[in-house]
Amino acid sequence: MALRIVDGCVNCTACEEVCPNQAIVPGMPHYWIDPGRCTECVGDFDEPQCATICPVEGAIVDELGNALNPPGSLTGILPERAIR
C-alpha cells in the first residue's frame, strides 16, 4: 500500500511538506515516495495529502497506476473538451 510519483512531477516540494510520515523524499529526476513509510495517510487523513496538494494532474498514482489527480480534475476541463 504505497503511492508513487511519476515523471510528471515538477519538484515543487508541496507534497513533501504535507506528508505526515515523511515518506516523500527528493530524488532525480523527481521526488519519490518511500513505500516503507507511505500509508496513503490512512489513520491520519481521509485522503492522501500529497495528492490533495499536488498541482500537477497525474503526477501521483496508486498501486494500480491510477492517477489520484486525473486529467481535468484540477482545471475542471475534461480531457476530451480540452483544446490541443
N, C-alpha and C. Protein backbone atom coordinates (compact mmCIF):
# COMPACT_ATOMS: atom_id res chain seq x y z
N MET A 1 0.85 -1.18 0.00
CA MET A 1 0.00 0.00 0.00
C MET A 1 0.89 1.24 0.00
N ALA A 2 1.23 1.70 -1.19
CA ALA A 2 2.04 2.90 -1.29
C ALA A 2 1.73 3.60 -2.60
N LEU A 3 1.80 4.89 -2.54
CA LEU A 3 1.59 5.71 -3.73
C LEU A 3 2.93 5.88 -4.43
N ARG A 4 2.89 6.43 -5.64
CA ARG A 4 4.10 6.62 -6.42
C ARG A 4 4.03 7.94 -7.16
N ILE A 5 5.16 8.60 -7.26
CA ILE A 5 5.26 9.86 -8.02
C ILE A 5 5.89 9.51 -9.36
N VAL A 6 5.27 9.98 -10.44
CA VAL A 6 5.76 9.65 -11.79
C VAL A 6 6.46 10.84 -12.43
N ASP A 7 6.89 10.65 -13.66
CA ASP A 7 7.70 11.66 -14.36
C ASP A 7 7.06 13.03 -14.50
N GLY A 8 5.75 13.15 -14.35
CA GLY A 8 5.10 14.45 -14.46
C GLY A 8 5.43 15.40 -13.32
N CYS A 9 6.04 14.90 -12.27
CA CYS A 9 6.41 15.72 -11.11
C CYS A 9 7.33 16.86 -11.53
N VAL A 10 7.05 18.06 -10.99
CA VAL A 10 7.86 19.24 -11.31
C VAL A 10 8.74 19.68 -10.13
N ASN A 11 8.86 18.82 -9.12
CA ASN A 11 9.70 19.11 -7.95
C ASN A 11 9.33 20.39 -7.23
N CYS A 12 8.04 20.61 -7.04
CA CYS A 12 7.60 21.86 -6.39
C CYS A 12 7.72 21.82 -4.87
N THR A 13 7.95 20.68 -4.27
CA THR A 13 8.11 20.44 -2.83
C THR A 13 6.82 20.44 -2.02
N ALA A 14 5.69 20.72 -2.63
CA ALA A 14 4.44 20.82 -1.87
C ALA A 14 4.09 19.52 -1.17
N CYS A 15 4.25 18.41 -1.84
CA CYS A 15 3.87 17.11 -1.26
C CYS A 15 4.78 16.74 -0.09
N GLU A 16 6.04 17.03 -0.22
CA GLU A 16 6.99 16.70 0.84
C GLU A 16 6.61 17.36 2.16
N GLU A 17 6.15 18.58 2.07
CA GLU A 17 5.82 19.34 3.27
C GLU A 17 4.57 18.87 3.99
N VAL A 18 3.63 18.21 3.28
CA VAL A 18 2.37 17.80 3.91
C VAL A 18 2.32 16.33 4.29
N CYS A 19 3.32 15.55 3.93
CA CYS A 19 3.30 14.12 4.23
C CYS A 19 3.48 13.88 5.73
N PRO A 20 2.50 13.25 6.39
CA PRO A 20 2.60 13.04 7.83
C PRO A 20 3.64 11.98 8.22
N ASN A 21 4.12 11.21 7.25
CA ASN A 21 5.07 10.13 7.54
C ASN A 21 6.48 10.40 7.00
N GLN A 22 6.70 11.59 6.47
CA GLN A 22 7.98 11.93 5.86
C GLN A 22 8.40 10.86 4.85
N ALA A 23 7.43 10.36 4.08
CA ALA A 23 7.68 9.32 3.10
C ALA A 23 8.12 9.88 1.75
N ILE A 24 8.00 11.17 1.55
CA ILE A 24 8.34 11.77 0.26
C ILE A 24 9.72 12.41 0.37
N VAL A 25 10.59 11.99 -0.54
CA VAL A 25 11.97 12.46 -0.49
C VAL A 25 12.41 12.96 -1.86
N PRO A 26 13.33 13.94 -1.87
CA PRO A 26 13.85 14.44 -3.14
C PRO A 26 14.64 13.34 -3.84
N GLY A 27 14.60 13.37 -5.14
CA GLY A 27 15.36 12.41 -5.93
C GLY A 27 15.57 12.94 -7.32
N MET A 28 16.21 12.16 -8.13
CA MET A 28 16.44 12.54 -9.52
C MET A 28 15.72 11.53 -10.40
N PRO A 29 14.96 11.91 -11.36
CA PRO A 29 14.75 13.28 -11.81
C PRO A 29 13.64 14.01 -11.06
N HIS A 30 12.95 13.31 -10.15
CA HIS A 30 11.85 13.94 -9.42
C HIS A 30 11.72 13.32 -8.03
N TYR A 31 10.84 13.87 -7.23
CA TYR A 31 10.57 13.33 -5.91
C TYR A 31 10.09 11.89 -6.02
N TRP A 32 10.21 11.14 -4.95
CA TRP A 32 9.70 9.78 -4.93
C TRP A 32 9.14 9.48 -3.54
N ILE A 33 8.32 8.44 -3.46
CA ILE A 33 7.68 8.06 -2.20
C ILE A 33 8.28 6.76 -1.71
N ASP A 34 8.77 6.78 -0.49
CA ASP A 34 9.34 5.59 0.14
C ASP A 34 8.19 4.64 0.49
N PRO A 35 8.08 3.49 -0.18
CA PRO A 35 6.95 2.58 0.07
C PRO A 35 6.94 2.00 1.49
N GLY A 36 8.07 2.00 2.16
CA GLY A 36 8.13 1.52 3.53
C GLY A 36 7.54 2.50 4.54
N ARG A 37 7.40 3.74 4.14
CA ARG A 37 6.87 4.77 5.04
C ARG A 37 5.48 5.24 4.65
N CYS A 38 5.11 5.08 3.37
CA CYS A 38 3.82 5.58 2.89
C CYS A 38 2.66 4.73 3.39
N THR A 39 1.70 5.38 4.02
CA THR A 39 0.49 4.70 4.49
C THR A 39 -0.74 5.21 3.74
N GLU A 40 -0.51 6.02 2.70
CA GLU A 40 -1.59 6.70 1.98
C GLU A 40 -2.43 7.55 2.93
N CYS A 41 -1.82 7.95 4.03
CA CYS A 41 -2.41 8.80 5.07
C CYS A 41 -3.54 8.12 5.84
N VAL A 42 -3.68 6.81 5.67
CA VAL A 42 -4.70 6.07 6.43
C VAL A 42 -4.40 6.22 7.92
N GLY A 43 -5.42 6.60 8.67
CA GLY A 43 -5.26 6.81 10.09
C GLY A 43 -4.93 8.24 10.47
N ASP A 44 -4.49 9.02 9.48
CA ASP A 44 -4.18 10.42 9.72
C ASP A 44 -5.16 11.37 9.04
N PHE A 45 -5.50 11.05 7.78
CA PHE A 45 -6.39 11.91 6.98
C PHE A 45 -7.32 11.04 6.14
N ASP A 46 -8.40 11.64 5.65
CA ASP A 46 -9.34 10.92 4.80
C ASP A 46 -8.80 10.69 3.40
N GLU A 47 -7.89 11.56 2.93
CA GLU A 47 -7.32 11.46 1.60
C GLU A 47 -5.80 11.62 1.69
N PRO A 48 -5.07 11.01 0.76
CA PRO A 48 -3.62 11.21 0.75
C PRO A 48 -3.30 12.70 0.57
N GLN A 49 -2.56 13.23 1.50
CA GLN A 49 -2.27 14.66 1.49
C GLN A 49 -1.41 15.09 0.30
N CYS A 50 -0.53 14.21 -0.16
CA CYS A 50 0.30 14.57 -1.31
C CYS A 50 -0.57 14.82 -2.54
N ALA A 51 -1.60 14.01 -2.71
CA ALA A 51 -2.47 14.17 -3.88
C ALA A 51 -3.36 15.40 -3.75
N THR A 52 -3.77 15.73 -2.54
CA THR A 52 -4.65 16.89 -2.39
C THR A 52 -3.91 18.20 -2.64
N ILE A 53 -2.60 18.21 -2.44
CA ILE A 53 -1.83 19.45 -2.62
C ILE A 53 -1.11 19.51 -3.97
N CYS A 54 -0.94 18.39 -4.64
CA CYS A 54 -0.18 18.34 -5.89
C CYS A 54 -0.82 19.19 -6.98
N PRO A 55 -0.05 20.10 -7.57
CA PRO A 55 -0.59 20.97 -8.62
C PRO A 55 -0.50 20.37 -10.02
N VAL A 56 -0.01 19.13 -10.13
CA VAL A 56 0.20 18.51 -11.43
C VAL A 56 -0.73 17.31 -11.59
N GLU A 57 -1.61 17.38 -12.57
CA GLU A 57 -2.52 16.27 -12.81
C GLU A 57 -1.75 15.03 -13.25
N GLY A 58 -2.06 13.91 -12.62
CA GLY A 58 -1.45 12.64 -12.99
C GLY A 58 -0.08 12.37 -12.41
N ALA A 59 0.46 13.25 -11.58
CA ALA A 59 1.82 13.06 -11.07
C ALA A 59 1.91 12.03 -9.95
N ILE A 60 0.81 11.80 -9.24
CA ILE A 60 0.82 10.82 -8.15
C ILE A 60 -0.19 9.74 -8.48
N VAL A 61 0.28 8.48 -8.43
CA VAL A 61 -0.57 7.36 -8.80
C VAL A 61 -0.64 6.35 -7.65
N ASP A 62 -1.71 5.54 -7.67
CA ASP A 62 -1.85 4.49 -6.66
C ASP A 62 -1.10 3.24 -7.11
N GLU A 63 -1.23 2.16 -6.34
CA GLU A 63 -0.50 0.93 -6.64
C GLU A 63 -0.92 0.29 -7.96
N LEU A 64 -2.08 0.66 -8.49
CA LEU A 64 -2.54 0.14 -9.78
C LEU A 64 -2.17 1.06 -10.95
N GLY A 65 -1.54 2.19 -10.64
CA GLY A 65 -1.15 3.14 -11.67
C GLY A 65 -2.22 4.15 -12.01
N ASN A 66 -3.30 4.19 -11.22
CA ASN A 66 -4.38 5.16 -11.45
C ASN A 66 -4.00 6.50 -10.85
N ALA A 67 -4.12 7.55 -11.65
CA ALA A 67 -3.78 8.90 -11.19
C ALA A 67 -4.76 9.36 -10.11
N LEU A 68 -4.23 9.90 -9.02
CA LEU A 68 -5.09 10.42 -7.96
C LEU A 68 -5.67 11.77 -8.34
N ASN A 69 -4.98 12.51 -9.19
CA ASN A 69 -5.48 13.76 -9.77
C ASN A 69 -5.50 13.53 -11.28
N PRO A 70 -6.52 12.85 -11.79
CA PRO A 70 -6.55 12.55 -13.23
C PRO A 70 -6.72 13.81 -14.07
N PRO A 71 -6.42 13.72 -15.36
CA PRO A 71 -6.58 14.88 -16.23
C PRO A 71 -7.98 15.48 -16.10
N GLY A 72 -8.04 16.80 -15.95
CA GLY A 72 -9.29 17.51 -15.80
C GLY A 72 -9.72 17.72 -14.37
N SER A 73 -9.13 17.01 -13.44
CA SER A 73 -9.57 17.10 -12.05
C SER A 73 -9.22 18.43 -11.39
N LEU A 74 -8.14 19.05 -11.80
CA LEU A 74 -7.73 20.30 -11.18
C LEU A 74 -8.26 21.52 -11.92
N THR A 75 -8.46 21.38 -13.21
CA THR A 75 -8.93 22.51 -14.01
C THR A 75 -10.43 22.51 -14.19
N GLY A 76 -11.04 21.33 -14.03
CA GLY A 76 -12.46 21.20 -14.29
C GLY A 76 -12.77 21.02 -15.76
N ILE A 77 -11.72 20.97 -16.58
CA ILE A 77 -11.89 20.76 -18.02
C ILE A 77 -11.64 19.30 -18.33
N LEU A 78 -12.64 18.61 -18.82
CA LEU A 78 -12.49 17.21 -19.17
C LEU A 78 -11.49 17.07 -20.32
N PRO A 79 -10.64 16.04 -20.31
CA PRO A 79 -9.63 15.88 -21.35
C PRO A 79 -10.20 15.92 -22.77
N GLU A 80 -11.37 15.35 -22.98
CA GLU A 80 -11.95 15.34 -24.32
C GLU A 80 -12.43 16.72 -24.76
N ARG A 81 -12.58 17.65 -23.83
CA ARG A 81 -13.03 19.01 -24.16
C ARG A 81 -11.86 19.99 -24.26
N ALA A 82 -10.68 19.56 -23.87
CA ALA A 82 -9.52 20.46 -23.88
C ALA A 82 -9.07 20.72 -25.31
N ILE A 83 -8.61 21.92 -25.54
CA ILE A 83 -8.06 22.29 -26.84
C ILE A 83 -6.63 21.80 -26.88
N ARG A 84 -6.31 21.08 -27.91
CA ARG A 84 -4.94 20.53 -28.01
C ARG A 84 -4.17 21.17 -29.10
